[in-house]
PDB file of N, CA and C in Angstrom:
ATOM      1  N   MET A   1     165.094 -19.465-221.343  1.00  0.00           N
ATOM      2  CA  MET A   1     164.658 -19.786-220.006  1.00  0.00           C
ATOM      3  C   MET A   1     163.828 -18.637-219.466  1.00  0.00           C
ATOM      4  N   GLY A   2     162.800 -18.963-218.722  1.00  0.00           N
ATOM      5  CA  GLY A   2     161.966 -17.946-218.121  1.00  0.00           C
ATOM      6  C   GLY A   2     162.640 -17.352-216.904  1.00  0.00           C
ATOM      7  N   ALA A   3     162.012 -16.316-216.328  1.00  0.00           N
ATOM      8  CA  ALA A   3     162.601 -15.631-215.179  1.00  0.00           C
ATOM      9  C   ALA A   3     162.817 -16.580-214.007  1.00  0.00           C
ATOM     10  N   GLY A   4     161.928 -17.564-213.816  1.00  0.00           N
ATOM     11  CA  GLY A   4     162.067 -18.501-212.721  1.00  0.00           C
ATOM     12  C   GLY A   4     163.110 -19.572-212.969  1.00  0.00           C
ATOM     13  N   LEU A   5     163.678 -19.620-214.144  1.00  0.00           N
ATOM     14  CA  LEU A   5     164.625 -20.680-214.479  1.00  0.00           C
ATOM     15  C   LEU A   5     166.040 -20.156-214.685  1.00  0.00           C
ATOM     16  N   MET A   6     166.359 -19.014-214.104  1.00  0.00           N
ATOM     17  CA  MET A   6     167.697 -18.458-214.254  1.00  0.00           C
ATOM     18  C   MET A   6     168.707 -19.344-213.525  1.00  0.00           C
ATOM     19  N   LEU A   7     169.931 -19.274-213.957  1.00  0.00           N
ATOM     20  CA  LEU A   7     171.013 -20.057-213.369  1.00  0.00           C
ATOM     21  C   LEU A   7     171.231 -19.642-211.914  1.00  0.00           C
ATOM     22  N   ASN A   8     171.325 -20.615-211.037  1.00  0.00           N
ATOM     23  CA  ASN A   8     171.615 -20.388-209.625  1.00  0.00           C
ATOM     24  C   ASN A   8     173.057 -20.832-209.407  1.00  0.00           C
ATOM     25  N   ILE A   9     173.980 -19.879-209.288  1.00  0.00           N
ATOM     26  CA  ILE A   9     175.401 -20.247-209.259  1.00  0.00           C
ATOM     27  C   ILE A   9     175.789 -21.090-208.057  1.00  0.00           C
ATOM     28  N   THR A  10     175.016 -21.068-206.989  1.00  0.00           N
ATOM     29  CA  THR A  10     175.363 -21.892-205.825  1.00  0.00           C
ATOM     30  C   THR A  10     174.947 -23.347-206.009  1.00  0.00           C
ATOM     31  N   LYS A  11     173.986 -23.606-206.886  1.00  0.00           N
ATOM     32  CA  LYS A  11     173.504 -24.969-207.101  1.00  0.00           C
ATOM     33  C   LYS A  11     173.780 -25.484-208.507  1.00  0.00           C
ATOM     34  N   ASP A  12     173.884 -24.584-209.463  1.00  0.00           N
ATOM     35  CA  ASP A  12     173.915 -24.990-210.863  1.00  0.00           C
ATOM     36  C   ASP A  12     175.300 -24.995-211.492  1.00  0.00           C
ATOM     37  N   ILE A  13     176.327 -24.710-210.726  1.00  0.00           N
ATOM     38  CA  ILE A  13     177.707 -24.821-211.205  1.00  0.00           C
ATOM     39  C   ILE A  13     178.416 -25.764-210.242  1.00  0.00           C
ATOM     40  N   GLN A  14     178.801 -26.913-210.750  1.00  0.00           N
ATOM     41  CA  GLN A  14     179.394 -27.953-209.914  1.00  0.00           C
ATOM     42  C   GLN A  14     180.572 -28.591-210.640  1.00  0.00           C
ATOM     43  N   SER A  15     181.452 -29.190-209.868  1.00  0.00           N
ATOM     44  CA  SER A  15     182.583 -29.895-210.494  1.00  0.00           C
ATOM     45  C   SER A  15     182.094 -31.228-211.069  1.00  0.00           C
ATOM     46  N   LEU A  16     182.782 -31.683-212.068  1.00  0.00           N
ATOM     47  CA  LEU A  16     182.466 -32.978-212.666  1.00  0.00           C
ATOM     48  C   LEU A  16     182.619 -34.083-211.628  1.00  0.00           C
ATOM     49  N   THR A  17     183.596 -33.955-210.767  1.00  0.00           N
ATOM     50  CA  THR A  17     183.816 -34.956-209.718  1.00  0.00           C
ATOM     51  C   THR A  17     182.600 -35.052-208.797  1.00  0.00           C
ATOM     52  N   THR A  18     182.074 -33.898-208.376  1.00  0.00           N
ATOM     53  CA  THR A  18     180.880 -33.887-207.521  1.00  0.00           C
ATOM     54  C   THR A  18     179.702 -34.503-208.257  1.00  0.00           C
ATOM     55  N   PHE A  19     179.564 -34.170-209.520  1.00  0.00           N
ATOM     56  CA  PHE A  19     178.466 -34.724-210.326  1.00  0.00           C
ATOM     57  C   PHE A  19     178.573 -36.251-210.402  1.00  0.00           C
ATOM     58  N   ARG A  20     179.763 -36.751-210.608  1.00  0.00           N
ATOM     59  CA  ARG A  20     179.961 -38.209-210.667  1.00  0.00           C
ATOM     60  C   ARG A  20     179.572 -38.881-209.354  1.00  0.00           C
ATOM     61  N   ARG A  21     180.002 -38.269-208.242  1.00  0.00           N
ATOM     62  CA  ARG A  21     179.724 -38.848-206.925  1.00  0.00           C
ATOM     63  C   ARG A  21     178.247 -38.805-206.563  1.00  0.00           C
ATOM     64  N   ARG A  22     177.549 -37.772-207.004  1.00  0.00           N
ATOM     65  CA  ARG A  22     176.163 -37.576-206.590  1.00  0.00           C
ATOM     66  C   ARG A  22     175.224 -37.497-207.796  1.00  0.00           C
ATOM     67  N   SER A  23     175.469 -38.316-208.796  1.00  0.00           N
ATOM     68  CA  SER A  23     174.682 -38.223-210.037  1.00  0.00           C
ATOM     69  C   SER A  23     173.182 -38.420-209.801  1.00  0.00           C
ATOM     70  N   GLY A  24     172.806 -39.308-208.901  1.00  0.00           N
ATOM     71  CA  GLY A  24     171.388 -39.519-208.602  1.00  0.00           C
ATOM     72  C   GLY A  24     170.730 -38.258-208.066  1.00  0.00           C
ATOM     73  N   ASP A  25     171.417 -37.569-207.156  1.00  0.00           N
ATOM     74  CA  ASP A  25     170.898 -36.309-206.610  1.00  0.00           C
ATOM     75  C   ASP A  25     170.760 -35.260-207.711  1.00  0.00           C
ATOM     76  N   PHE A  26     171.752 -35.210-208.596  1.00  0.00           N
ATOM     77  CA  PHE A  26     171.699 -34.234-209.683  1.00  0.00           C
ATOM     78  C   PHE A  26     170.561 -34.539-210.657  1.00  0.00           C
ATOM     79  N   MET A  27     170.308 -35.816-210.897  1.00  0.00           N
ATOM     80  CA  MET A  27     169.196 -36.180-211.791  1.00  0.00           C
ATOM     81  C   MET A  27     167.877 -35.676-211.206  1.00  0.00           C
ATOM     82  N   LYS A  28     167.688 -35.844-209.913  1.00  0.00           N
ATOM     83  CA  LYS A  28     166.468 -35.340-209.253  1.00  0.00           C
ATOM     84  C   LYS A  28     166.387 -33.824-209.376  1.00  0.00           C
ATOM     85  N   GLN A  29     167.520 -33.144-209.133  1.00  0.00           N
ATOM     86  CA  GLN A  29     167.564 -31.683-209.224  1.00  0.00           C
ATOM     87  C   GLN A  29     167.216 -31.216-210.636  1.00  0.00           C
ATOM     88  N   LEU A  30     167.786 -31.867-211.637  1.00  0.00           N
ATOM     89  CA  LEU A  30     167.539 -31.479-213.026  1.00  0.00           C
ATOM     90  C   LEU A  30     166.063 -31.621-213.384  1.00  0.00           C
ATOM     91  N   ARG A  31     165.464 -32.738-212.994  1.00  0.00           N
ATOM     92  CA  ARG A  31     164.047 -32.959-213.300  1.00  0.00           C
ATOM     93  C   ARG A  31     163.153 -31.960-212.576  1.00  0.00           C
ATOM     94  N   LYS A  32     163.497 -31.666-211.324  1.00  0.00           N
ATOM     95  CA  LYS A  32     162.658 -30.777-210.510  1.00  0.00           C
ATOM     96  C   LYS A  32     162.814 -29.311-210.920  1.00  0.00           C
ATOM     97  N   SER A  33     164.031 -28.850-211.061  1.00  0.00           N
ATOM     98  CA  SER A  33     164.284 -27.423-211.295  1.00  0.00           C
ATOM     99  C   SER A  33     164.138 -27.013-212.763  1.00  0.00           C
ATOM    100  N   LYS A  34     164.372 -27.963-213.683  1.00  0.00           N
ATOM    101  CA  LYS A  34     164.385 -27.681-215.125  1.00  0.00           C
ATOM    102  C   LYS A  34     165.514 -26.724-215.515  1.00  0.00           C
ATOM    103  N   ARG A  35     166.460 -26.485-214.580  1.00  0.00           N
ATOM    104  CA  ARG A  35     167.605 -25.626-214.861  1.00  0.00           C
ATOM    105  C   ARG A  35     168.795 -26.495-215.256  1.00  0.00           C
ATOM    106  N   PRO A  36     169.584 -26.050-216.194  1.00  0.00           N
ATOM    107  CA  PRO A  36     170.791 -26.807-216.533  1.00  0.00           C
ATOM    108  C   PRO A  36     171.832 -26.683-215.422  1.00  0.00           C
ATOM    109  N   VAL A  37     172.760 -27.617-215.405  1.00  0.00           N
ATOM    110  CA  VAL A  37     173.873 -27.587-214.468  1.00  0.00           C
ATOM    111  C   VAL A  37     175.155 -27.468-215.286  1.00  0.00           C
ATOM    112  N   VAL A  38     175.990 -26.522-214.901  1.00  0.00           N
ATOM    113  CA  VAL A  38     177.290 -26.336-215.541  1.00  0.00           C
ATOM    114  C   VAL A  38     178.288 -27.190-214.775  1.00  0.00           C
ATOM    115  N   LEU A  39     178.959 -28.082-215.478  1.00  0.00           N
ATOM    116  CA  LEU A  39     179.979 -28.925-214.844  1.00  0.00           C
ATOM    117  C   LEU A  39     181.350 -28.364-215.194  1.00  0.00           C
ATOM    118  N   THR A  40     182.189 -28.278-214.165  1.00  0.00           N
ATOM    119  CA  THR A  40     183.515 -27.710-214.353  1.00  0.00           C
ATOM    120  C   THR A  40     184.591 -28.784-214.260  1.00  0.00           C
ATOM    121  N   VAL A  41     185.681 -28.535-214.946  1.00  0.00           N
ATOM    122  CA  VAL A  41     186.883 -29.359-214.856  1.00  0.00           C
ATOM    123  C   VAL A  41     188.031 -28.382-214.591  1.00  0.00           C
ATOM    124  N   LYS A  42     188.723 -28.600-213.487  1.00  0.00           N
ATOM    125  CA  LYS A  42     189.813 -27.708-213.067  1.00  0.00           C
ATOM    126  C   LYS A  42     189.350 -26.255-212.988  1.00  0.00           C
ATOM    127  N   GLY A  43     188.112 -26.056-212.504  1.00  0.00           N
ATOM    128  CA  GLY A  43     187.585 -24.716-212.277  1.00  0.00           C
ATOM    129  C   GLY A  43     187.018 -24.010-213.491  1.00  0.00           C
ATOM    130  N   LYS A  44     187.048 -24.661-214.649  1.00  0.00           N
ATOM    131  CA  LYS A  44     186.535 -24.023-215.870  1.00  0.00           C
ATOM    132  C   LYS A  44     185.319 -24.785-216.377  1.00  0.00           C
ATOM    133  N   ALA A  45     184.330 -24.043-216.856  1.00  0.00           N
ATOM    134  CA  ALA A  45     183.132 -24.668-217.401  1.00  0.00           C
ATOM    135  C   ALA A  45     183.527 -25.619-218.528  1.00  0.00           C
ATOM    136  N   ALA A  46     183.008 -26.849-218.468  1.00  0.00           N
ATOM    137  CA  ALA A  46     183.353 -27.856-219.467  1.00  0.00           C
ATOM    138  C   ALA A  46     182.125 -28.356-220.226  1.00  0.00           C
ATOM    139  N   VAL A  47     181.043 -28.633-219.512  1.00  0.00           N
ATOM    140  CA  VAL A  47     179.834 -29.147-220.150  1.00  0.00           C
ATOM    141  C   VAL A  47     178.600 -28.620-219.418  1.00  0.00           C
ATOM    142  N   ILE A  48     177.483 -28.669-220.135  1.00  0.00           N
ATOM    143  CA  ILE A  48     176.179 -28.324-219.571  1.00  0.00           C
ATOM    144  C   ILE A  48     175.342 -29.593-219.581  1.00  0.00           C
ATOM    145  N   VAL A  49     174.685 -29.878-218.463  1.00  0.00           N
ATOM    146  CA  VAL A  49     173.811 -31.047-218.360  1.00  0.00           C
ATOM    147  C   VAL A  49     172.407 -30.524-218.081  1.00  0.00           C
ATOM    148  N   GLN A  50     171.414 -31.070-218.799  1.00  0.00           N
ATOM    149  CA  GLN A  50     170.040 -30.682-218.516  1.00  0.00           C
ATOM    150  C   GLN A  50     169.108 -31.848-218.809  1.00  0.00           C
ATOM    151  N   ASP A  51     167.895 -31.765-218.275  1.00  0.00           N
ATOM    152  CA  ASP A  51     166.944 -32.849-218.497  1.00  0.00           C
ATOM    153  C   ASP A  51     166.463 -32.815-219.949  1.00  0.00           C
ATOM    154  N   ALA A  52     165.999 -33.965-220.427  1.00  0.00           N
ATOM    155  CA  ALA A  52     165.635 -34.126-221.833  1.00  0.00           C
ATOM    156  C   ALA A  52     164.490 -33.197-222.243  1.00  0.00           C
ATOM    157  N   GLU A  53     163.496 -33.026-221.378  1.00  0.00           N
ATOM    158  CA  GLU A  53     162.358 -32.165-221.709  1.00  0.00           C
ATOM    159  C   GLU A  53     162.800 -30.713-221.918  1.00  0.00           C
ATOM    160  N   SER A  54     163.659 -30.221-221.059  1.00  0.00           N
ATOM    161  CA  SER A  54     164.161 -28.850-221.190  1.00  0.00           C
ATOM    162  C   SER A  54     165.012 -28.702-222.449  1.00  0.00           C
ATOM    163  N   TYR A  55     165.807 -29.711-222.747  1.00  0.00           N
ATOM    164  CA  TYR A  55     166.637 -29.664-223.951  1.00  0.00           C
ATOM    165  C   TYR A  55     165.763 -29.634-225.199  1.00  0.00           C
ATOM    166  N   GLN A  56     164.712 -30.456-225.232  1.00  0.00           N
ATOM    167  CA  GLN A  56     163.806 -30.459-226.380  1.00  0.00           C
ATOM    168  C   GLN A  56     163.144 -29.097-226.539  1.00  0.00           C
ATOM    169  N   ARG A  57     162.750 -28.486-225.427  1.00  0.00           N
ATOM    170  CA  ARG A  57     162.145 -27.152-225.478  1.00  0.00           C
ATOM    171  C   ARG A  57     163.140 -26.150-226.062  1.00  0.00           C
ATOM    172  N   LEU A  58     164.401 -26.249-225.676  1.00  0.00           N
ATOM    173  CA  LEU A  58     165.447 -25.387-226.209  1.00  0.00           C
ATOM    174  C   LEU A  58     165.614 -25.587-227.720  1.00  0.00           C
ATOM    175  N   LEU A  59     165.612 -26.850-228.162  1.00  0.00           N
ATOM    176  CA  LEU A  59     165.698 -27.134-229.596  1.00  0.00           C
ATOM    177  C   LEU A  59     164.520 -26.543-230.360  1.00  0.00           C
ATOM    178  N   ASP A  60     163.324 -26.655-229.782  1.00  0.00           N
ATOM    179  CA  ASP A  60     162.122 -26.107-230.426  1.00  0.00           C
ATOM    180  C   ASP A  60     162.205 -24.589-230.562  1.00  0.00           C
ATOM    181  N   VAL A  61     162.664 -23.929-229.509  1.00  0.00           N
ATOM    182  CA  VAL A  61     162.811 -22.465-229.542  1.00  0.00           C
ATOM    183  C   VAL A  61     163.835 -22.063-230.607  1.00  0.00           C
ATOM    184  N   ALA A  62     164.942 -22.789-230.664  1.00  0.00           N
ATOM    185  CA  ALA A  62     165.983 -22.484-231.652  1.00  0.00           C
ATOM    186  C   ALA A  62     165.466 -22.686-233.070  1.00  0.00           C
ATOM    187  N   ALA A  63     164.684 -23.737-233.299  1.00  0.00           N
ATOM    188  CA  ALA A  63     164.136 -23.996-234.640  1.00  0.00           C
ATOM    189  C   ALA A  63     163.183 -22.881-235.048  1.00  0.00           C
ATOM    190  N   ARG A  64     162.349 -22.430-234.113  1.00  0.00           N
ATOM    191  CA  ARG A  64     161.426 -21.323-234.428  1.00  0.00           C
ATOM    192  C   ARG A  64     162.204 -20.052-234.732  1.00  0.00           C
ATOM    193  N   ALA A  65     163.261 -19.800-233.975  1.00  0.00           N
ATOM    194  CA  ALA A  65     164.076 -18.607-234.204  1.00  0.00           C
ATOM    195  C   ALA A  65     164.739 -18.671-235.577  1.00  0.00           C
ATOM    196  N   ASP A  66     165.234 -19.851-235.976  1.00  0.00           N
ATOM    197  CA  ASP A  66     165.843 -20.010-237.296  1.00  0.00           C
ATOM    198  C   ASP A  66     164.822 -19.753-238.393  1.00  0.00           C
ATOM    199  N   SER A  67     163.615 -20.270-238.214  1.00  0.00           N
ATOM    200  CA  SER A  67     162.564 -20.069-239.208  1.00  0.00           C
ATOM    201  C   SER A  67     162.220 -18.592-239.333  1.00  0.00           C
ATOM    202  N   ARG A  68     162.058 -17.937-238.198  1.00  0.00           N
ATOM    203  CA  ARG A  68     161.730 -16.509-238.216  1.00  0.00           C
ATOM    204  C   ARG A  68     162.829 -15.696-238.884  1.00  0.00           C
ATOM    205  N   GLU A  69     164.077 -16.038-238.602  1.00  0.00           N
ATOM    206  CA  GLU A  69     165.192 -15.309-239.209  1.00  0.00           C
ATOM    207  C   GLU A  69     165.219 -15.534-240.719  1.00  0.00           C
ATOM    208  N   GLY A  70     164.946 -16.744-241.159  1.00  0.00           N
ATOM    209  CA  GLY A  70     164.901 -17.019-242.601  1.00  0.00           C
ATOM    210  C   GLY A  70     163.807 -16.220-243.284  1.00  0.00           C
ATOM    211  N   ILE A  71     162.647 -16.145-242.665  1.00  0.00           N
ATOM    212  CA  ILE A  71     161.537 -15.364-243.219  1.00  0.00           C
ATOM    213  C   ILE A  71     161.899 -13.881-243.230  1.00  0.00           C
ATOM    214  N   ARG A  72     162.494 -13.411-242.129  1.00  0.00           N
ATOM    215  CA  ARG A  72     162.890 -11.999-242.062  1.00  0.00           C
ATOM    216  C   ARG A  72     163.880 -11.658-243.173  1.00  0.00           C
ATOM    217  N   GLN A  73     164.855 -12.532-243.399  1.00  0.00           N
ATOM    218  CA  GLN A  73     165.840 -12.288-244.456  1.00  0.00           C
ATOM    219  C   GLN A  73     165.184 -12.291-245.830  1.00  0.00           C
ATOM    220  N   GLY A  74     164.267 -13.231-246.043  1.00  0.00           N
ATOM    221  CA  GLY A  74     163.567 -13.290-247.327  1.00  0.00           C
ATOM    222  C   GLY A  74     162.747 -12.047-247.595  1.00  0.00           C
ATOM    223  N   LEU A  75     162.059 -11.561-246.573  1.00  0.00           N
ATOM    224  CA  LEU A  75     161.269 -10.340-246.727  1.00  0.00           C
ATOM    225  C   LEU A  75     162.164  -9.134-246.999  1.00  0.00           C
ATOM    226  N   GLU A  76     163.290  -9.072-246.304  1.00  0.00           N
ATOM    227  CA  GLU A  76     164.230  -7.968-246.524  1.00  0.00           C
ATOM    228  C   GLU A  76     164.787  -8.011-247.948  1.00  0.00           C
ATOM    229  N   GLN A  77     165.137  -9.196-248.433  1.00  0.00           N
ATOM    230  CA  GLN A  77     165.633  -9.329-249.798  1.00  0.00           C
ATOM    231  C   GLN A  77     164.568  -8.911-250.804  1.00  0.00           C
ATOM    232  N   ALA A  78     163.326  -9.284-250.543  1.00  0.00           N
ATOM    233  CA  ALA A  78     162.235  -8.886-251.449  1.00  0.00           C
ATOM    234  C   ALA A  78     162.068  -7.374-251.446  1.00  0.00           C
ATOM    235  N   ARG A  79     162.156  -6.740-250.273  1.00  0.00           N
ATOM    236  CA  ARG A  79     162.052  -5.277-250.195  1.00  0.00           C
ATOM    237  C   ARG A  79     163.170  -4.596-250.982  1.00  0.00           C
ATOM    238  N   GLN A  80     164.329  -5.231-251.026  1.00  0.00           N
ATOM    239  CA  GLN A  80     165.474  -4.663-251.743  1.00  0.00           C
ATOM    240  C   GLN A  80     165.470  -5.036-253.222  1.00  0.00           C
ATOM    241  N   GLY A  81     164.425  -5.728-253.649  1.00  0.00           N
ATOM    242  CA  GLY A  81     164.313  -6.091-255.060  1.00  0.00           C
ATOM    243  C   GLY A  81     165.159  -7.285-255.456  1.00  0.00           C
ATOM    244  N   GLN A  82     165.669  -7.992-254.475  1.00  0.00           N
ATOM    245  CA  GLN A  82     166.456  -9.191-254.780  1.00  0.00           C
ATOM    246  C   GLN A  82     165.500 -10.357-254.961  1.00  0.00           C
ATOM    247  N   GLY A  83     165.961 -11.383-255.596  1.00  0.00           N
ATOM    248  CA  GLY A  83     165.132 -12.567-255.798  1.00  0.00           C
ATOM    249  C   GLY A  83     164.578 -12.603-257.217  1.00  0.00           C
ATOM    250  N   ARG A  84     163.819 -13.669-257.484  1.00  0.00           N
ATOM    251  CA  ARG A  84     163.257 -13.842-258.827  1.00  0.00           C
ATOM    252  C   ARG A  84     161.800 -14.262-258.730  1.00  0.00           C
ATOM    253  N   ASP A  85     161.133 -14.089-259.807  1.00  0.00           N
ATOM    254  CA  ASP A  85     159.756 -14.550-259.920  1.00  0.00           C
ATOM    255  C   ASP A  85     159.762 -16.081-259.856  1.00  0.00           C
ATOM    256  N   ALA A  86     158.807 -16.667-259.178  1.00  0.00           N
ATOM    257  CA  ALA A  86     158.743 -18.123-259.021  1.00  0.00           C
ATOM    258  C   ALA A  86     158.664 -18.833-260.370  1.00  0.00           C
ATOM    259  N   GLU A  87     157.881 -18.309-261.290  1.00  0.00           N
ATOM    260  CA  GLU A  87     157.768 -18.954-262.614  1.00  0.00           C
ATOM    261  C   GLU A  87     159.111 -18.974-263.321  1.00  0.00           C
ATOM    262  N   GLU A  88     159.854 -17.885-263.234  1.00  0.00           N
ATOM    263  CA  GLU A  88     161.184 -17.812-263.847  1.00  0.00           C
ATOM    264  C   GLU A  88     162.122 -18.845-263.212  1.00  0.00           C
ATOM    265  N   PHE A  89     162.106 -18.926-261.880  1.00  0.00           N
ATOM    266  CA  PHE A  89     162.958 -19.879-261.178  1.00  0.00           C
ATOM    267  C   PHE A  89     162.644 -21.309-261.590  1.00  0.00           C
ATOM    268  N   PHE A  90     161.347 -21.688-261.566  1.00  0.00           N
ATOM    269  CA  PHE A  90     160.989 -23.069-261.882  1.00  0.00           C
ATOM    270  C   PHE A  90     161.275 -23.414-263.335  1.00  0.00           C
ATOM    271  N   ALA A  91     161.093 -22.480-264.241  1.00  0.00           N
ATOM    272  CA  ALA A  91     161.418 -22.724-265.650  1.00  0.00           C
ATOM    273  C   ALA A  91     162.914 -23.015-265.795  1.00  0.00           C
ATOM    274  N   GLU A  92     163.740 -22.211-265.133  1.00  0.00           N
ATOM    275  CA  GLU A  92     165.188 -22.424-265.191  1.00  0.00           C
ATOM    276  C   GLU A  92     165.582 -23.729-264.509  1.00  0.00           C
ATOM    277  N   PHE A  93     164.967 -24.030-263.370  1.00  0.00           N
ATOM    278  CA  PHE A  93     165.250 -25.252-262.636  1.00  0.00           C
ATOM    279  C   PHE A  93     164.910 -26.474-263.485  1.00  0.00           C
ATOM    280  N   GLU A  94     163.725 -26.479-264.083  1.00  0.00           N
ATOM    281  CA  GLU A  94     163.301 -27.609-264.913  1.00  0.00           C
ATOM    282  C   GLU A  94     164.220 -27.780-266.111  1.00  0.00           C
ATOM    283  N   ALA A  95     164.603 -26.674-266.739  1.00  0.00           N
ATOM    284  CA  ALA A  95     165.494 -26.746-267.905  1.00  0.00           C
ATOM    285  C   ALA A  95     166.869 -27.291-267.516  1.00  0.00           C
ATOM    286  N   SER A  96     167.402 -26.837-266.379  1.00  0.00           N
ATOM    287  CA  SER A  96     168.743 -27.278-265.990  1.00  0.00           C
ATOM    288  C   SER A  96     168.769 -28.728-265.504  1.00  0.00           C
ATOM    289  N   HIS A  97     167.606 -29.277-265.120  1.00  0.00           N
ATOM    290  CA  HIS A  97     167.543 -30.657-264.652  1.00  0.00           C
ATOM    291  C   HIS A  97     166.849 -31.583-265.648  1.00  0.00           C
ATOM    292  N   GLY A  98     166.614 -31.094-266.850  1.00  0.00           N
ATOM    293  CA  GLY A  98     165.997 -31.926-267.879  1.00  0.00           C
ATOM    294  C   GLY A  98     164.578 -32.356-267.555  1.00  0.00           C
ATOM    295  N   ILE A  99     163.850 -31.528-266.870  1.00  0.00           N
ATOM    296  CA  ILE A  99     162.463 -31.838-266.517  1.00  0.00           C
ATOM    297  C   ILE A  99     161.556 -31.100-267.484  1.00  0.00           C
ATOM    298  N   SER A 100     160.641 -31.854-268.084  1.00  0.00           N
ATOM    299  CA  SER A 100     159.684 -31.186-268.984  1.00  0.00           C
ATOM    300  C   SER A 100     158.326 -31.142-268.301  1.00  0.00           C
ATOM    301  N   ALA A 101     157.725 -29.987-268.354  1.00  0.00           N
ATOM    302  CA  ALA A 101     156.447 -29.776-267.662  1.00  0.00           C
ATOM    303  C   ALA A 101     155.287 -30.383-268.417  1.00  0.00           C
TER     304      ALA A 101
END
């Protein structure tokens, strides 16, 4: 979330009961603010609700972070001399799966 999308504890933490009673108002708030709402049950955080566009953006950011971490790990392994030559790997893969080139 960007600096303008930080959690506002006076508006973004609500009881599930309040959310049920005023779901239409919350839907408008979610679309307008793009901030998630924390719903509580018996005073404890239970679920996070957010608009679909913001959730998709979150998924996209997470996927990019996973990709970057995978690349970082691969580069680190290569620097440490771990891994194999691609030709060696494919030769072994083809042999173990009965594939003839």
